[in-house]
N, C-alpha and C. Protein backbone atom coordinates (compact mmCIF):
# COMPACT_ATOMS: atom_id res chain seq x y z
N MET A 1 90.38 -116.33 -115.82
CA MET A 1 89.12 -115.90 -115.51
C MET A 1 88.48 -115.87 -113.91
N SER A 2 88.15 -114.91 -113.46
CA SER A 2 88.02 -115.30 -111.94
C SER A 2 86.50 -116.28 -111.85
N ALA A 3 86.56 -116.33 -110.39
CA ALA A 3 85.15 -116.92 -110.36
C ALA A 3 84.06 -116.55 -110.68
N SER A 4 83.94 -115.07 -110.34
CA SER A 4 82.85 -114.48 -110.19
C SER A 4 82.32 -114.29 -112.32
N THR A 5 83.53 -113.95 -112.87
CA THR A 5 83.23 -114.02 -114.13
C THR A 5 83.01 -115.36 -114.69
N ARG A 6 83.22 -116.38 -114.30
CA ARG A 6 82.81 -117.74 -114.82
C ARG A 6 81.63 -117.82 -114.34
N ARG A 7 81.19 -117.64 -113.14
CA ARG A 7 79.42 -117.57 -113.01
C ARG A 7 78.44 -116.75 -113.72
N GLU A 8 79.08 -115.51 -113.96
CA GLU A 8 78.11 -114.69 -114.72
C GLU A 8 78.05 -115.27 -116.25
N SER A 9 79.45 -115.84 -116.77
CA SER A 9 79.07 -116.55 -118.23
C SER A 9 78.73 -117.46 -118.11
N ALA A 10 78.18 -118.51 -117.13
CA ALA A 10 77.67 -119.74 -117.19
C ALA A 10 76.21 -119.44 -117.23
N ASN A 11 75.50 -118.24 -117.04
CA ASN A 11 74.21 -117.58 -116.95
C ASN A 11 74.05 -117.55 -118.29
N ILE A 12 74.60 -117.27 -119.50
CA ILE A 12 74.49 -117.11 -120.74
C ILE A 12 74.60 -118.20 -121.73
N PRO A 13 73.53 -118.52 -122.00
CA PRO A 13 73.45 -119.90 -122.75
C PRO A 13 74.24 -119.86 -124.06
N ALA A 14 74.90 -120.85 -124.26
CA ALA A 14 75.64 -121.18 -125.75
C ALA A 14 74.55 -120.83 -127.04
N CYS A 15 75.37 -120.07 -128.19
CA CYS A 15 74.73 -119.60 -129.09
C CYS A 15 74.12 -120.89 -130.24
N ASP A 16 73.31 -120.30 -130.80
CA ASP A 16 72.45 -121.68 -131.48
C ASP A 16 73.36 -122.62 -132.39
N LEU A 17 74.08 -121.82 -132.73
CA LEU A 17 74.99 -122.31 -133.77
C LEU A 17 76.07 -123.35 -133.03
N CYS A 18 76.76 -122.80 -131.76
CA CYS A 18 77.76 -123.61 -131.06
C CYS A 18 76.56 -125.01 -130.37
N TYR A 19 75.26 -124.75 -130.07
CA TYR A 19 74.71 -125.96 -129.52
C TYR A 19 74.37 -126.69 -130.30
N GLU A 20 73.85 -126.38 -131.37
CA GLU A 20 73.53 -127.63 -132.69
C GLU A 20 74.95 -128.05 -133.13
N ARG A 21 76.16 -127.14 -133.29
CA ARG A 21 77.40 -128.09 -133.37
C ARG A 21 77.89 -128.91 -132.31
N LYS A 22 77.48 -128.99 -130.85
CA LYS A 22 77.86 -129.28 -129.81
C LYS A 22 79.57 -129.20 -129.73
N VAL A 23 79.79 -127.70 -129.51
CA VAL A 23 81.18 -127.15 -129.46
C VAL A 23 80.89 -125.98 -128.58
N LYS A 24 82.46 -125.55 -128.00
CA LYS A 24 82.37 -124.61 -126.82
C LYS A 24 82.15 -123.65 -127.35
N CYS A 25 81.16 -122.73 -126.82
CA CYS A 25 80.93 -121.37 -127.24
C CYS A 25 81.45 -120.40 -126.18
N ASP A 26 82.17 -119.60 -126.44
CA ASP A 26 82.94 -118.33 -125.81
C ASP A 26 82.02 -117.28 -125.27
N ARG A 27 80.59 -117.56 -125.78
CA ARG A 27 79.75 -116.68 -125.24
C ARG A 27 79.73 -115.06 -125.17
N GLU A 28 80.55 -114.83 -126.33
CA GLU A 28 80.62 -113.15 -126.42
C GLU A 28 79.40 -112.82 -127.28
N GLU A 29 79.34 -111.29 -127.42
CA GLU A 29 78.29 -110.56 -128.15
C GLU A 29 78.35 -111.68 -129.60
N THR A 30 79.25 -111.80 -130.57
CA THR A 30 79.46 -112.22 -131.26
C THR A 30 80.59 -113.67 -131.01
N CYS A 31 80.37 -114.99 -131.11
CA CYS A 31 81.10 -115.89 -130.76
C CYS A 31 82.25 -115.99 -131.38
N GLU A 32 83.10 -116.63 -131.40
CA GLU A 32 84.43 -116.92 -132.18
C GLU A 32 84.18 -117.68 -133.50
N ASN A 33 83.05 -118.58 -133.03
CA ASN A 33 82.88 -119.61 -134.31
C ASN A 33 81.93 -118.99 -135.13
N CYS A 34 80.88 -118.49 -134.86
CA CYS A 34 80.28 -117.60 -135.70
C CYS A 34 80.85 -116.55 -136.53
N LYS A 35 81.81 -116.26 -135.87
CA LYS A 35 82.70 -115.02 -136.52
C LYS A 35 83.39 -115.92 -137.80
N LEU A 36 84.01 -116.94 -137.31
CA LEU A 36 84.17 -117.94 -138.48
C LEU A 36 83.49 -118.30 -139.35
N ALA A 37 82.44 -118.70 -139.15
CA ALA A 37 81.47 -119.54 -140.01
C ALA A 37 80.67 -117.84 -140.78
N GLN A 38 80.89 -116.87 -140.28
CA GLN A 38 80.39 -115.49 -141.03
C GLN A 38 79.00 -115.85 -140.99
N VAL A 39 78.09 -115.95 -139.64
CA VAL A 39 76.77 -116.12 -139.53
C VAL A 39 76.47 -115.35 -138.41
N GLU A 40 75.21 -114.82 -138.39
CA GLU A 40 74.88 -114.25 -137.12
C GLU A 40 74.94 -115.03 -135.94
N CYS A 41 75.28 -114.64 -134.80
CA CYS A 41 75.12 -114.68 -133.44
C CYS A 41 74.20 -114.99 -132.95
N ARG A 42 73.13 -115.93 -132.61
CA ARG A 42 71.81 -116.13 -132.05
C ARG A 42 71.80 -116.70 -131.05
N ARG A 43 70.97 -116.79 -130.36
CA ARG A 43 70.33 -117.29 -128.82
C ARG A 43 68.97 -117.38 -128.92
N THR A 44 68.24 -118.27 -129.80
CA THR A 44 66.52 -118.17 -129.59
C THR A 44 66.23 -119.02 -128.50
N ARG A 45 67.22 -120.24 -128.22
CA ARG A 45 66.23 -121.11 -127.63
C ARG A 45 65.99 -120.54 -125.98
N PRO A 46 64.95 -121.25 -125.48
CA PRO A 46 64.53 -120.53 -124.15
C PRO A 46 65.71 -120.88 -123.25
N GLN A 47 65.95 -119.75 -122.14
CA GLN A 47 66.97 -119.90 -121.05
C GLN A 47 66.66 -120.28 -120.20
N ARG A 48 65.35 -120.39 -119.68
CA ARG A 48 65.05 -121.02 -118.00
C ARG A 48 63.91 -122.27 -118.58
N SER A 49 64.67 -123.49 -117.63
CA SER A 49 63.73 -124.68 -117.84
C SER A 49 62.62 -124.47 -116.73
N LEU A 50 61.62 -125.83 -117.00
CA LEU A 50 60.72 -125.62 -116.20
C LEU A 50 61.22 -126.03 -114.91
N SER A 51 60.46 -125.59 -113.59
CA SER A 51 60.88 -125.81 -111.98
C SER A 51 60.15 -127.49 -112.01
N VAL A 52 60.36 -128.32 -111.49
CA VAL A 52 60.09 -129.46 -110.73
C VAL A 52 58.15 -129.41 -110.35
N ALA A 53 57.65 -128.11 -110.09
CA ALA A 53 56.41 -127.98 -109.72
C ALA A 53 55.39 -127.95 -111.12
N GLU A 54 56.51 -126.94 -111.76
CA GLU A 54 55.62 -126.55 -113.22
C GLU A 54 55.73 -128.04 -114.22
N ARG A 55 56.78 -128.92 -114.12
CA ARG A 55 56.91 -130.16 -114.83
C ARG A 55 55.60 -131.05 -114.42
N LEU A 56 55.53 -131.17 -113.12
CA LEU A 56 54.41 -131.96 -112.42
C LEU A 56 53.08 -131.34 -112.63
N SER A 57 52.80 -130.25 -112.65
CA SER A 57 51.89 -129.90 -113.08
C SER A 57 51.24 -129.76 -114.58
N LYS A 58 52.12 -129.76 -115.54
CA LYS A 58 51.95 -130.04 -116.84
C LYS A 58 51.61 -131.56 -117.11
N LEU A 59 52.13 -132.64 -116.22
CA LEU A 59 51.86 -134.16 -116.37
C LEU A 59 50.76 -134.24 -116.10
N GLU A 60 50.16 -133.68 -114.96
CA GLU A 60 49.00 -133.72 -114.09
C GLU A 60 47.87 -133.61 -115.16
N ASN A 61 48.15 -132.41 -115.82
CA ASN A 61 47.21 -131.76 -116.79
C ASN A 61 46.77 -132.78 -118.13
N LYS A 62 47.66 -133.38 -118.50
CA LYS A 62 47.80 -134.20 -119.82
C LYS A 62 47.24 -135.51 -119.10
N ALA A 63 47.47 -136.04 -117.72
CA ALA A 63 47.06 -137.21 -117.34
C ALA A 63 45.70 -137.19 -117.27
N THR A 64 44.79 -135.77 -117.14
CA THR A 64 43.19 -136.07 -116.84
C THR A 64 42.80 -135.49 -118.05
N GLN A 65 43.51 -135.39 -118.85
CA GLN A 65 42.42 -135.12 -120.46
C GLN A 65 42.46 -136.54 -121.29
N PRO A 66 41.04 -136.74 -121.72
CA PRO A 66 40.35 -137.94 -122.12
C PRO A 66 41.49 -138.51 -123.24
N ILE A 67 41.71 -139.58 -123.48
CA ILE A 67 42.45 -140.28 -124.78
C ILE A 67 41.50 -140.85 -125.81
N PRO A 68 41.79 -139.76 -127.15
CA PRO A 68 41.31 -139.85 -128.36
C PRO A 68 41.40 -141.22 -128.70
N GLU A 69 39.85 -141.70 -129.09
CA GLU A 69 39.90 -143.00 -130.20
C GLU A 69 40.10 -143.13 -130.99
């Protein structure tokens, strides 16, 4: 596998089944693990995590909310 192919596949998340089972996903359209399990290969988890600025903003908003009694 060339370096550019590795970088491109790193941007594709593991499918839900592989992620749940904590196994290596080959990141194909239908991965080998899903084929063997005879299930639909899906990627439903969010692909982008929040940036540091977004996380900080979210925490600051939580900190300003009143605590329920």
